[in-house]
Protein backbone atom coordinates (compact mmCIF):
# COMPACT_ATOMS: atom_id res chain seq x y z
CA MET A 1 -5.53 -52.54 82.33
CA ARG A 2 -8.19 -50.11 83.24
CA GLN A 3 -11.20 -50.13 80.62
CA THR A 4 -10.74 -46.47 80.06
CA GLU A 5 -7.01 -47.63 78.97
CA LYS A 6 -8.20 -50.69 76.88
CA THR A 7 -10.71 -48.31 74.97
CA LEU A 8 -7.47 -45.41 74.09
CA PHE A 9 -5.54 -48.34 73.02
CA THR A 10 -8.39 -49.57 70.99
CA LEU A 11 -8.93 -46.20 69.18
CA ILE A 12 -5.44 -45.60 68.49
CA ALA A 13 -5.11 -49.13 66.89
CA VAL A 14 -7.78 -48.07 64.85
CA ALA A 15 -6.85 -45.12 63.58
CA VAL A 16 -3.32 -46.51 62.39
CA ALA A 17 -5.19 -49.12 60.62
CA ALA A 18 -7.50 -46.87 58.89
CA GLY A 19 -4.55 -44.32 57.94
CA GLY A 20 -2.44 -47.29 56.71
CA LEU A 21 -5.55 -48.29 54.60
CA GLY A 22 -5.81 -45.25 53.26
CA LEU A 23 -1.99 -44.93 52.71
CA TYR A 24 -2.09 -48.25 50.55
CA ALA A 25 -5.26 -46.79 48.85
CA TRP A 26 -3.32 -43.99 47.55
CA PHE A 27 0.16 -45.55 47.03
CA GLY A 28 -1.25 -48.62 46.13
CA VAL A 29 -4.28 -47.88 43.87
CA LYS A 30 -5.16 -43.91 43.31
CA GLU A 31 -1.47 -43.09 42.12
CA PRO A 32 -1.00 -45.97 39.87
CA GLU A 33 -4.60 -45.55 38.78
CA GLU A 34 -3.69 -41.73 37.87
CA LYS A 35 -0.62 -42.46 36.27
CA GLU A 36 -2.06 -45.40 33.82
CA VAL A 37 -4.82 -42.51 33.09
CA GLN A 38 -1.85 -39.84 32.22
CA ARG A 39 -0.15 -42.59 30.48
CA LYS A 40 -3.15 -43.88 28.44
CA GLU A 41 -4.17 -40.31 27.75
CA GLN A 42 -0.94 -39.69 25.94
CA THR A 43 -0.80 -42.93 23.78
CA GLU A 44 -4.52 -42.35 22.36
CA LYS A 45 -3.55 -38.75 21.46
CA ILE A 46 -2.25 -38.96 17.39
CA PHE A 47 0.36 -36.51 18.27
CA ALA A 48 1.78 -37.29 21.58
CA THR A 49 3.48 -34.32 23.52
CA SER A 50 5.37 -37.12 25.71
CA GLU A 51 7.96 -39.40 24.34
CA PRO A 52 7.21 -43.50 24.67
CA GLY A 53 8.10 -43.98 28.66
CA GLU A 54 8.47 -40.21 29.90
CA GLN A 55 6.54 -39.36 32.53
CA PRO A 56 3.82 -36.68 32.07
CA LYS A 57 4.69 -33.57 33.94
CA ASN A 58 2.60 -30.70 35.37
CA ALA A 59 0.01 -33.08 36.79
CA GLY A 60 -0.58 -34.63 33.38
CA THR A 61 -1.38 -31.72 31.69
CA PRO A 62 1.42 -30.53 28.98
CA ALA A 63 1.10 -27.83 27.38
CA ALA A 64 -0.08 -27.68 23.86
CA PRO A 65 2.17 -28.31 21.08
CA VAL A 66 3.41 -25.51 18.95
CA PHE A 67 3.38 -26.70 15.26
CA THR A 68 6.01 -25.55 12.61
CA GLN A 69 6.09 -27.65 10.12
CA LEU A 70 3.50 -29.81 7.96
CA THR A 71 4.18 -32.38 5.22
CA VAL A 72 0.71 -33.18 3.58
CA GLN A 73 0.94 -35.94 0.83
CA ALA A 74 -2.77 -36.38 -0.40
CA LYS A 75 -4.67 -37.12 -3.88
CA GLY A 76 -1.36 -37.26 -5.90
CA VAL A 77 0.72 -34.08 -4.53
CA THR A 78 3.23 -33.69 -1.48
CA ALA A 79 3.04 -30.08 -0.01
CA THR A 80 5.32 -28.58 2.35
CA LEU A 81 4.26 -25.99 4.53
CA GLU A 82 5.99 -23.63 7.26
CA ARG A 83 4.98 -21.79 10.20
CA GLN A 84 6.67 -17.86 9.67
CA GLY A 85 5.54 -16.01 12.58
CA ASP A 86 1.88 -15.83 12.80
CA THR A 87 0.90 -17.19 9.34
CA TRP A 88 1.56 -20.02 7.32
CA ARG A 89 3.26 -20.56 4.10
CA LEU A 90 3.49 -22.98 1.27
CA THR A 91 7.01 -23.60 0.29
CA SER A 92 6.61 -26.53 -1.88
CA PRO A 93 5.58 -27.38 -4.84
CA VAL A 94 4.62 -23.94 -5.03
CA SER A 95 5.27 -20.77 -2.57
CA GLY A 96 2.75 -18.59 -1.34
CA ARG A 97 0.10 -17.80 1.34
CA ALA A 98 -1.71 -21.16 3.12
CA ASP A 99 -5.24 -21.25 4.18
CA LYS A 100 -5.28 -20.09 7.13
CA TRP A 101 -8.67 -22.18 7.99
CA THR A 102 -7.54 -25.23 6.19
CA VAL A 103 -4.44 -25.29 8.46
CA ASP A 104 -6.10 -24.41 11.45
CA ASN A 105 -8.25 -27.42 11.30
CA ILE A 106 -5.18 -29.53 10.50
CA THR A 107 -3.23 -28.90 13.72
CA SER A 108 -6.45 -28.73 15.88
CA GLN A 109 -7.11 -32.18 14.48
CA LEU A 110 -3.43 -33.24 15.33
CA GLN A 111 -3.34 -31.36 18.85
CA SER A 112 -6.95 -33.01 19.97
CA ALA A 113 -8.13 -36.22 17.93
CA LYS A 114 -7.50 -39.71 19.93
CA PHE A 115 -7.26 -43.05 18.23
CA LYS A 116 -10.80 -44.78 18.72
CA SER A 117 -9.83 -47.96 19.11
CA THR A 118 -6.86 -50.75 18.09
CA VAL A 119 -8.39 -52.31 15.05
CA ASP A 120 -5.38 -54.65 13.96
CA GLU A 121 -2.48 -56.00 16.48
CA SER A 122 -0.26 -56.88 13.45
CA PRO A 123 -1.52 -56.94 10.15
CA THR A 124 -0.21 -58.27 6.96
CA ASP A 125 0.45 -56.82 3.73
CA SER A 126 -2.68 -58.14 2.26
CA ASP A 127 -4.59 -56.62 5.48
CA LEU A 128 -3.11 -53.31 5.11
CA GLU A 129 -4.18 -53.38 1.51
CA LYS A 130 -7.75 -53.89 2.81
CA TYR A 131 -7.31 -50.90 5.10
CA GLY A 132 -6.08 -48.42 2.37
CA LEU A 133 -2.99 -48.30 4.12
CA LYS A 134 -0.11 -49.76 1.69
CA PRO A 135 -0.09 -47.46 0.33
CA PRO A 136 -1.80 -44.91 2.48
CA VAL A 137 -4.52 -42.93 0.88
CA PHE A 138 -3.15 -39.80 2.66
CA SER A 139 -0.34 -38.83 4.95
CA VAL A 140 0.70 -35.98 7.27
CA THR A 141 4.24 -35.52 8.83
CA ALA A 142 3.72 -32.81 11.90
CA LYS A 143 6.60 -30.96 13.63
CA ALA A 144 6.12 -29.22 16.60
CA TYR A 145 7.76 -28.27 20.08
CA VAL A 146 6.24 -28.64 23.42
CA PRO A 147 6.90 -24.91 24.94
CA ASP A 148 8.57 -24.38 28.32
CA THR A 149 6.51 -22.42 30.95
CA SER A 150 7.86 -19.36 29.40
CA GLY A 151 6.57 -20.39 25.87
CA GLY A 152 9.66 -21.05 24.52
CA GLY A 153 11.64 -24.08 23.43
CA LYS A 154 11.53 -23.42 20.15
CA ASP A 155 14.83 -24.31 19.11
CA ASP A 156 15.47 -27.07 22.44
CA PRO A 157 15.75 -30.47 20.50
CA SER A 158 14.38 -32.11 23.98
CA ARG A 159 10.95 -30.20 23.22
CA GLN A 160 10.78 -31.60 19.45
CA ARG A 161 8.45 -33.73 18.66
CA THR A 162 8.13 -35.00 15.08
CA VAL A 163 4.70 -37.50 13.81
CA THR A 164 4.03 -38.94 10.97
CA LEU A 165 0.45 -40.12 10.64
CA TYR A 166 -1.11 -42.31 7.94
CA GLY A 167 -4.55 -42.50 6.68
CA GLY A 168 -6.58 -45.17 4.84
CA VAL A 169 -9.91 -45.65 3.77
CA GLU A 170 -13.28 -44.73 5.41
CA ASN A 171 -14.77 -47.76 7.54
CA THR A 172 -18.29 -47.71 5.95
CA PHE A 173 -19.57 -48.76 9.23
CA ASP A 174 -19.52 -45.75 11.23
CA GLY A 175 -17.56 -43.38 9.27
CA SER A 176 -14.36 -43.56 11.11
CA VAL A 177 -11.18 -43.84 8.95
CA TYR A 178 -8.10 -46.54 9.42
CA VAL A 179 -4.84 -45.15 10.44
CA ARG A 180 -0.80 -46.03 11.51
CA ARG A 181 1.57 -43.72 13.55
CA ASP A 182 4.99 -43.72 12.71
CA GLU A 183 6.91 -47.04 13.03
CA ASP A 184 3.78 -48.43 14.78
CA PRO A 185 2.54 -51.91 13.25
CA LYS A 186 -0.79 -51.40 14.43
CA VAL A 187 -3.40 -50.32 12.51
CA TYR A 188 -5.81 -47.89 14.48
CA SER A 189 -9.65 -46.52 14.04
CA ALA A 190 -9.85 -42.78 14.39
CA ASP A 191 -12.71 -40.60 14.11
CA GLY A 192 -13.96 -39.33 10.47
CA SER A 193 -13.32 -35.87 11.25
CA VAL A 194 -9.60 -36.42 11.12
CA ARG A 195 -9.76 -38.03 7.59
CA TYR A 196 -12.02 -34.93 6.81
CA ALA A 197 -9.32 -32.28 7.92
CA LEU A 198 -6.23 -34.05 6.71
CA GLU A 199 -6.61 -35.44 3.18
CA LYS A 200 -6.26 -31.87 1.63
CA ASP A 201 -4.91 -31.64 -2.02
CA LEU A 202 -2.83 -28.36 -2.98
CA TYR A 203 -5.74 -26.09 -3.93
CA ALA A 204 -7.28 -26.38 -0.38
CA LEU A 205 -4.49 -26.01 0.87
CA ARG A 206 -3.51 -22.39 -1.02
CA ASP A 207 -4.97 -19.21 0.13
CA LYS A 208 -7.54 -18.52 -1.92
CA GLU A 209 -8.22 -14.67 -1.14
CA PHE A 210 -4.54 -14.07 -2.88
CA LEU A 211 -6.00 -10.70 -4.28
CA ASN A 212 -6.52 -9.32 -0.35
CA LEU A 213 -4.74 -6.02 -0.13
CA ASP A 214 -5.19 -4.30 3.34
CA GLU A 215 -6.10 -0.43 2.53
CA ALA A 216 -3.99 0.65 5.65
CA SER A 217 -0.68 -0.84 4.21
CA LEU A 218 -1.15 1.30 1.03
CA ASN A 219 0.24 4.26 0.08
CA ALA A 220 -0.51 4.34 -3.62
CA ILE A 221 -2.64 2.59 -6.10
CA GLU A 222 -2.83 3.32 -9.94
CA VAL A 223 -5.48 1.62 -12.25
CA THR A 224 -5.84 1.09 -15.66
CA ALA A 225 -9.20 -0.84 -16.64
CA LYS A 226 -11.86 -1.08 -19.72
CA ALA A 227 -13.78 1.63 -18.76
CA ASN A 228 -11.78 3.66 -16.17
CA SER A 229 -8.32 4.66 -15.48
CA TYR A 230 -7.33 6.58 -12.14
CA ALA A 231 -4.56 6.98 -9.61
CA LEU A 232 -4.57 7.56 -5.89
CA GLU A 233 -2.37 8.51 -3.65
CA ARG A 234 -2.22 8.76 0.73
CA ASP A 235 -2.10 12.23 2.37
CA THR A 236 0.38 12.67 5.53
CA ASP A 237 -2.71 12.95 7.71
CA GLY A 238 -4.10 9.16 6.59
CA SER A 239 -6.77 10.35 4.15
CA TRP A 240 -6.55 9.59 0.20
CA ARG A 241 -6.54 12.21 -2.64
CA LEU A 242 -6.95 11.41 -6.39
CA THR A 243 -4.25 12.46 -8.66
CA LYS A 244 -5.75 11.19 -11.61
CA PRO A 245 -7.90 11.82 -13.78
CA SER A 246 -8.53 14.80 -11.45
CA ALA A 247 -6.72 16.31 -8.39
CA VAL A 248 -9.57 16.15 -6.08
CA ARG A 249 -10.05 14.51 -2.31
CA ALA A 250 -10.82 10.91 -2.29
CA ASP A 251 -13.71 9.02 -0.80
CA GLY A 252 -11.30 6.51 1.61
CA ASP A 253 -14.42 4.48 2.58
CA ARG A 254 -15.42 3.82 -1.00
CA LEU A 255 -11.96 2.51 -1.43
CA LYS A 256 -11.94 -0.01 1.29
CA GLN A 257 -15.16 -1.12 -0.35
CA VAL A 258 -13.28 -1.67 -3.80
CA LEU A 259 -10.66 -3.45 -2.22
CA GLN A 260 -13.27 -5.64 0.03
CA LEU A 261 -14.71 -6.58 -3.02
CA LEU A 262 -11.53 -7.53 -4.59
CA LYS A 263 -10.69 -9.81 -1.49
CA ALA A 264 -14.06 -11.35 -1.77
CA GLN A 265 -13.10 -12.81 -5.33
CA ARG A 266 -11.55 -16.14 -3.95
CA ALA A 267 -9.93 -18.30 -6.54
CA LEU A 268 -11.82 -21.51 -8.35
CA SER A 269 -8.46 -22.88 -9.35
CA PHE A 270 -4.62 -22.44 -9.67
CA PRO A 271 -3.42 -23.22 -13.06
CA THR A 272 0.23 -23.84 -13.30
CA ASP A 273 1.97 -20.65 -14.01
CA SER A 274 4.19 -20.26 -17.04
CA ALA A 275 5.09 -17.64 -19.71
CA GLU A 276 3.16 -19.75 -22.01
CA GLU A 277 0.27 -19.87 -20.02
CA ARG A 278 -0.02 -16.44 -19.08
CA THR A 279 0.19 -15.49 -22.80
CA LYS A 280 -2.63 -18.12 -23.37
CA LEU A 281 -4.63 -16.43 -21.00
CA GLY A 282 -4.56 -13.14 -22.25
CA LEU A 283 -2.41 -12.02 -19.28
CA ASP A 284 0.18 -9.93 -21.60
CA LYS A 285 -2.53 -8.17 -22.62
CA PRO A 286 -4.96 -7.22 -19.47
CA VAL A 287 -8.51 -6.34 -19.25
CA VAL A 288 -7.13 -4.69 -16.05
CA ASP A 289 -3.60 -3.77 -15.05
CA ALA A 290 -3.33 -2.02 -11.42
CA ARG A 291 -0.24 -1.64 -9.17
CA PHE A 292 -0.15 -1.07 -5.76
CA THR A 293 2.53 0.65 -3.25
CA LEU A 294 2.77 -0.51 0.28
CA LYS A 295 3.80 1.52 3.13
CA GLU A 296 6.40 -1.73 3.53
CA GLY A 297 7.67 -4.36 1.13
CA GLU A 298 7.65 -4.49 -2.43
CA PRO A 299 4.51 -3.19 -4.39
CA VAL A 300 1.80 -5.73 -6.11
CA ARG A 301 0.84 -5.78 -9.44
CA VAL A 302 -2.60 -7.56 -10.12
CA ARG A 303 -3.44 -8.12 -13.87
CA ILE A 304 -6.71 -9.38 -14.51
CA SER A 305 -8.06 -11.15 -18.47
CA GLN A 306 -10.74 -12.53 -19.40
CA VAL A 307 -10.54 -15.17 -22.46
CA LYS A 308 -12.99 -17.38 -24.43
CA GLU A 309 -12.79 -21.29 -23.68
CA GLY A 310 -14.95 -22.99 -25.83
CA ALA A 311 -18.40 -21.62 -24.92
CA ALA A 312 -17.49 -20.40 -21.87
CA THR A 313 -15.67 -16.96 -20.90
CA LYS A 314 -13.27 -17.48 -17.81
CA VAL A 315 -11.75 -14.68 -15.96
CA TYR A 316 -8.02 -14.91 -14.43
CA ALA A 317 -5.77 -13.10 -12.40
CA LEU A 318 -2.22 -12.57 -11.67
CA ARG A 319 -0.78 -11.45 -8.53
CA GLU A 320 3.12 -10.59 -8.49
CA GLN A 321 5.14 -9.22 -5.69
CA GLY A 322 8.96 -9.14 -5.80
CA SER A 323 9.93 -12.93 -7.21
CA GLU A 324 6.41 -14.50 -6.17
CA ALA A 325 3.71 -14.73 -8.24
CA THR A 326 0.13 -16.54 -8.23
CA LEU A 327 -1.94 -17.27 -11.30
CA GLY A 328 -5.48 -17.97 -10.61
CA GLU A 329 -9.12 -18.46 -12.22
CA VAL A 330 -11.68 -16.19 -10.52
CA PRO A 331 -14.93 -15.53 -10.22
CA GLU A 332 -16.79 -12.52 -13.23
CA PRO A 333 -16.88 -10.17 -11.01
CA THR A 334 -13.70 -9.49 -10.45
CA LEU A 335 -13.03 -7.69 -13.80
CA THR A 336 -15.14 -4.98 -12.69
CA ALA A 337 -14.02 -4.88 -8.91
CA LEU A 338 -11.52 -1.87 -9.78
CA ASP A 339 -13.41 -0.40 -12.55
CA VAL A 340 -14.77 2.48 -10.74
CA GLY A 341 -15.25 5.86 -11.87
CA LEU A 342 -14.32 9.68 -10.57
CA PRO A 343 -18.17 10.29 -9.18
CA GLU A 344 -17.57 7.23 -7.26
CA LEU A 345 -13.87 7.59 -6.02
CA ARG A 346 -13.88 11.22 -5.10
CA THR A 347 -15.39 12.51 -1.83
CA LYS A 348 -18.89 13.73 -0.93
CA VAL A 349 -17.49 15.05 2.50
CA LEU A 350 -17.56 18.87 2.05
CA LEU A 351 -14.94 19.86 4.70
CA SER A 352 -11.52 18.54 5.52
CA PHE A 353 -10.60 19.34 9.06
CA LYS A 354 -10.20 17.47 12.39
CA ARG A 355 -12.73 18.24 15.23
CA GLU A 356 -9.88 18.39 18.11
CA ASP A 357 -8.09 21.67 15.62
CA VAL A 358 -11.26 24.04 15.63
CA LYS A 359 -10.84 26.81 18.49
CA ARG A 360 -12.49 29.36 16.44
CA LEU A 361 -15.99 29.17 14.74
CA VAL A 362 -17.02 32.68 12.38
CA PHE A 363 -20.75 32.03 11.22
CA HIS A 364 -21.28 34.11 8.14
CA PRO A 365 -25.33 34.68 8.25
CA GLY A 366 -25.44 36.35 4.98
CA ALA A 367 -27.36 39.18 3.45
CA GLY A 368 -24.82 41.87 5.22
CA ALA A 369 -25.56 40.97 8.51
CA ALA A 370 -22.66 41.08 11.32
CA PRO A 371 -20.46 37.92 11.48
CA ILE A 372 -20.94 35.51 14.76
CA THR A 373 -17.93 34.80 16.22
CA LEU A 374 -17.04 32.29 18.71
CA ALA A 375 -13.93 31.28 20.80
CA ASN A 376 -12.80 28.31 23.14
CA THR A 377 -11.51 29.72 26.15
CA LYS A 378 -10.21 26.44 27.39
CA PRO A 379 -8.16 25.20 24.17
CA GLU A 380 -5.90 22.89 25.90
CA SER A 381 -8.38 20.90 27.15
CA ASN A 382 -11.12 21.39 24.39
CA SER A 383 -13.65 21.30 26.99
CA LEU A 384 -17.10 22.37 25.36
CA GLU A 385 -17.85 23.99 28.46
CA GLY A 386 -14.97 26.90 27.22
CA TRP A 387 -17.11 28.24 24.23
CA GLN A 388 -18.12 31.74 24.57
CA VAL A 389 -19.84 33.79 21.96
CA GLU A 390 -17.44 36.93 21.20
CA SER A 391 -19.23 39.06 18.92
CA PRO A 392 -21.39 40.91 17.97
CA LYS A 393 -23.05 40.04 21.64
CA ALA A 394 -20.65 38.42 24.01
CA GLY A 395 -21.83 35.67 26.53
CA LYS A 396 -21.52 31.98 27.17
CA ALA A 397 -22.30 29.61 24.05
CA GLN A 398 -24.49 26.68 24.43
CA SER A 399 -22.13 24.05 24.64
CA VAL A 400 -24.34 21.34 23.33
CA LYS A 401 -25.34 23.13 20.43
CA VAL A 402 -21.55 24.10 19.75
CA ALA A 403 -20.78 20.65 19.76
CA SER A 404 -23.93 19.76 17.39
CA LEU A 405 -22.85 22.40 14.65
CA ILE A 406 -19.04 21.05 14.96
CA ASN A 407 -20.60 17.46 14.18
CA LEU A 408 -22.81 18.67 11.34
CA LEU A 409 -20.13 20.11 9.43
CA VAL A 410 -17.26 17.30 9.80
CA SER A 411 -19.66 15.30 8.65
CA LEU A 412 -21.67 17.23 5.79
CA LYS A 413 -22.10 15.65 2.32
CA ALA A 414 -23.20 16.58 -1.02
CA THR A 415 -25.93 14.79 -2.70
CA ALA A 416 -24.00 15.51 -6.36
CA LEU A 417 -20.88 17.13 -7.20
CA GLY A 418 -20.49 19.45 -10.37
CA GLU A 419 -18.05 21.74 -11.97
CA ALA A 420 -14.09 21.36 -10.85
CA ASN A 421 -12.09 24.76 -10.36
CA PRO A 422 -14.88 27.27 -11.92
CA LYS A 423 -13.72 30.43 -13.08
CA LYS A 424 -16.91 31.97 -11.63
CA TRP A 425 -18.27 31.05 -8.90
CA ASP A 426 -20.84 33.64 -8.89
CA LYS A 427 -22.79 32.31 -11.26
CA TYR A 428 -23.74 29.86 -8.24
CA GLY A 429 -24.21 32.32 -5.88
CA ILE A 430 -21.34 32.04 -4.03
CA THR A 431 -19.39 35.17 -3.23
CA ASP A 432 -17.03 36.63 -0.30
CA MET A 433 -20.47 37.69 1.26
CA SER A 434 -22.12 34.31 1.08
CA ARG A 435 -23.95 32.52 3.86
CA GLY A 436 -21.40 30.08 5.57
CA VAL A 437 -18.98 29.46 8.31
CA SER A 438 -15.12 29.35 8.76
CA LEU A 439 -13.34 26.99 10.98
CA GLN A 440 -10.14 27.95 12.69
CA ASP A 441 -7.68 27.25 15.04
CA ALA A 442 -6.52 29.10 18.02
CA SER A 443 -4.55 31.39 16.34
CA GLY A 444 -7.49 32.60 13.54
CA LYS A 445 -5.71 30.17 11.12
CA GLU A 446 -8.44 28.76 9.10
CA LEU A 447 -8.61 25.09 8.37
CA ALA A 448 -12.03 25.15 6.53
CA ARG A 449 -14.74 26.92 4.81
CA LEU A 450 -17.75 26.47 4.19
CA TRP A 451 -19.82 28.53 1.54
CA LEU A 452 -23.35 28.34 0.49
CA GLY A 453 -24.72 29.84 -2.95
CA SER A 454 -28.15 29.67 -4.45
CA ALA A 455 -30.94 27.35 -4.79
CA VAL A 456 -29.92 24.47 -7.63
CA PRO A 457 -32.36 24.74 -11.18
CA GLY A 458 -35.26 21.80 -11.18
CA LYS A 459 -34.03 20.49 -7.47
CA GLU A 460 -36.18 21.44 -4.86
CA GLY A 461 -34.50 22.15 -1.46
CA ILE A 462 -31.13 21.55 -2.97
CA VAL A 463 -28.77 24.70 -3.10
CA TYR A 464 -25.13 25.19 -4.27
CA ALA A 465 -22.09 24.98 -2.03
CA ARG A 466 -18.38 24.88 -1.87
CA GLY A 467 -16.11 23.40 0.46
CA SER A 468 -12.17 22.15 1.39
CA ALA A 469 -12.21 21.20 -2.33
CA ALA A 470 -12.44 23.99 -5.53
CA GLU A 471 -15.12 22.02 -7.02
CA VAL A 472 -19.42 22.79 -6.76
CA ALA A 473 -21.16 20.67 -4.70
CA GLU A 474 -24.94 20.46 -4.04
CA VAL A 475 -26.12 20.48 -0.50
CA GLU A 476 -29.88 19.62 1.16
CA GLN A 477 -30.57 22.81 1.94
CA VAL A 478 -32.40 21.12 5.15
CA ARG A 479 -29.43 19.81 6.77
CA LEU A 480 -28.44 23.51 6.81
CA SER A 481 -31.22 24.65 9.26
CA THR A 482 -29.45 24.89 12.33
CA LEU A 483 -26.66 27.23 11.11
CA PRO A 484 -27.00 30.12 13.21
CA GLU A 485 -28.01 33.47 11.56
CA ARG A 486 -28.07 35.94 15.10
CA PRO A 487 -26.05 35.68 18.58
CA GLU A 488 -29.09 34.64 20.27
CA ASP A 489 -29.10 31.65 18.49
CA LEU A 490 -25.93 30.32 20.54
CA LEU A 491 -26.23 32.27 23.68
CA GLU A 492 -26.96 30.62 26.90
CA ALA A 493 -30.60 32.00 28.24
CA ALA A 494 -30.25 34.46 30.65
CA PRO A 495 -32.01 33.72 33.74
CA THR A 496 -35.51 35.38 34.31
CA ALA A 497 -35.56 38.32 37.00
CA ALA A 498 -38.13 37.66 39.39
CA ALA A 499 -40.84 40.92 40.58
CA ASP A 500 -39.07 41.05 43.82
CA GLY A 501 -35.59 41.19 42.06
CA GLY A 502 -34.83 37.61 42.69
CA THR A 503 -33.80 35.10 40.17
CA GLY A 504 -37.51 33.62 39.94
CA ALA A 505 -36.25 30.36 40.80
CA THR A 506 -38.61 28.17 42.03
CA ASP A 507 -39.62 24.82 44.08
CA GLY A 508 -42.71 23.12 43.50
CA GLY A 509 -44.07 26.27 41.69
CA ALA A 510 -43.32 28.59 44.74
CA PRO A 511 -40.39 30.82 44.95
CA LEU A 512 -37.57 29.99 46.76
CA SER A 513 -36.85 31.92 50.25
CA GLN A 514 -34.06 34.67 49.67
CA PRO A 515 -31.74 34.16 52.56
């Protein structure tokens, strides 16, 4: 055999041997190691998504479980919680909303927590007592399903998983907790955060913001409080108006603040609800009685009382909706959260209109001067470049100036509100000849009108005004300083004519050459 043939044969033999070693390393060592890691990962997890003996799928990264039910036993009470859509509710021993933060902590720990170590392979009854596992200090039974690739599988029995975790006492050496799982006899050690998340009593599981009412979900509100009583209704355009004690527009932002304050009054405790307890706590004759009509669903009634208990004064709130009721002790500011007066609730915004509806503007300079009329010649696109001055002098309007004026008028607020529906407006200097502005649609229909009157006695820089509501308002005169008094205040400046008849445009100071 020639030397070259021998060399080639040797190289082939070495390659085959290397390939064999590679295949052995993969199939004989690497693949079993990966399977063992996957198996161990599932075994060590508190909530295993794979059944015992089941091979992990999707390269060892199964989908996260979707929890549907929790049964938490701690501090002498067993509570059941169920997922309903995107929220969790308590179904036993009381019915009501669950505390989102607490439930999220429970499910997060169940999904991610692992056993730290095996403490005892075959514990005796006395060992279990020592670990606080006979009987357990707390327990959690969790039901979930492992979603398929499309996210389904909730009703597929093969994808259902149930795990019960029993918790014992704390290991004072490292703060860990002793635990057991299902029928497994072993005692494990888990991080102390597991105990913190899972050992929750009924108070911790209940939603403490039980007075939370979303303003966007409401259609009407009626409140009878110690100092004030009022009623509000939502208009077709989404704004609010007062119907009691006066029929005036309401301040939607102030209403949101009122509801946010009510939401912030978290329950301090949840007394056992009964007819006798309600009477004892003064809820038959409440200090505040409020009814909220929702866009969808049954109305909500909230009653708030104040009672003396020894030397202390406590406040209680009862929220009722349909057959569901929640009774809670609440902080003292809850008493005044809804007790607000007319000056606070009525809006101080003077004009009610939508800026996109404004296609014409008529400014009244007052003192007998001719009105200044503007129209948008491109009403469909609502382009600012479409605004033109029509009279008393025609020309293109300054688009930035028009936009600024509309912004001013849509946000103009009174510093104070006075008499409603006065019989004589002229005593405030407000007549048909007063300075002001009319905002109109494309057909000339008036959307809103502002009249400005005389100076308010004793208040420098403040004038009387009348807006969309029939009530006397007071406005800072400085805010009105940009209202035009002559057409030139709105017209674009005409180009300056050059001495040679050109436009006078220059480039670097020298006149541009003419073609």
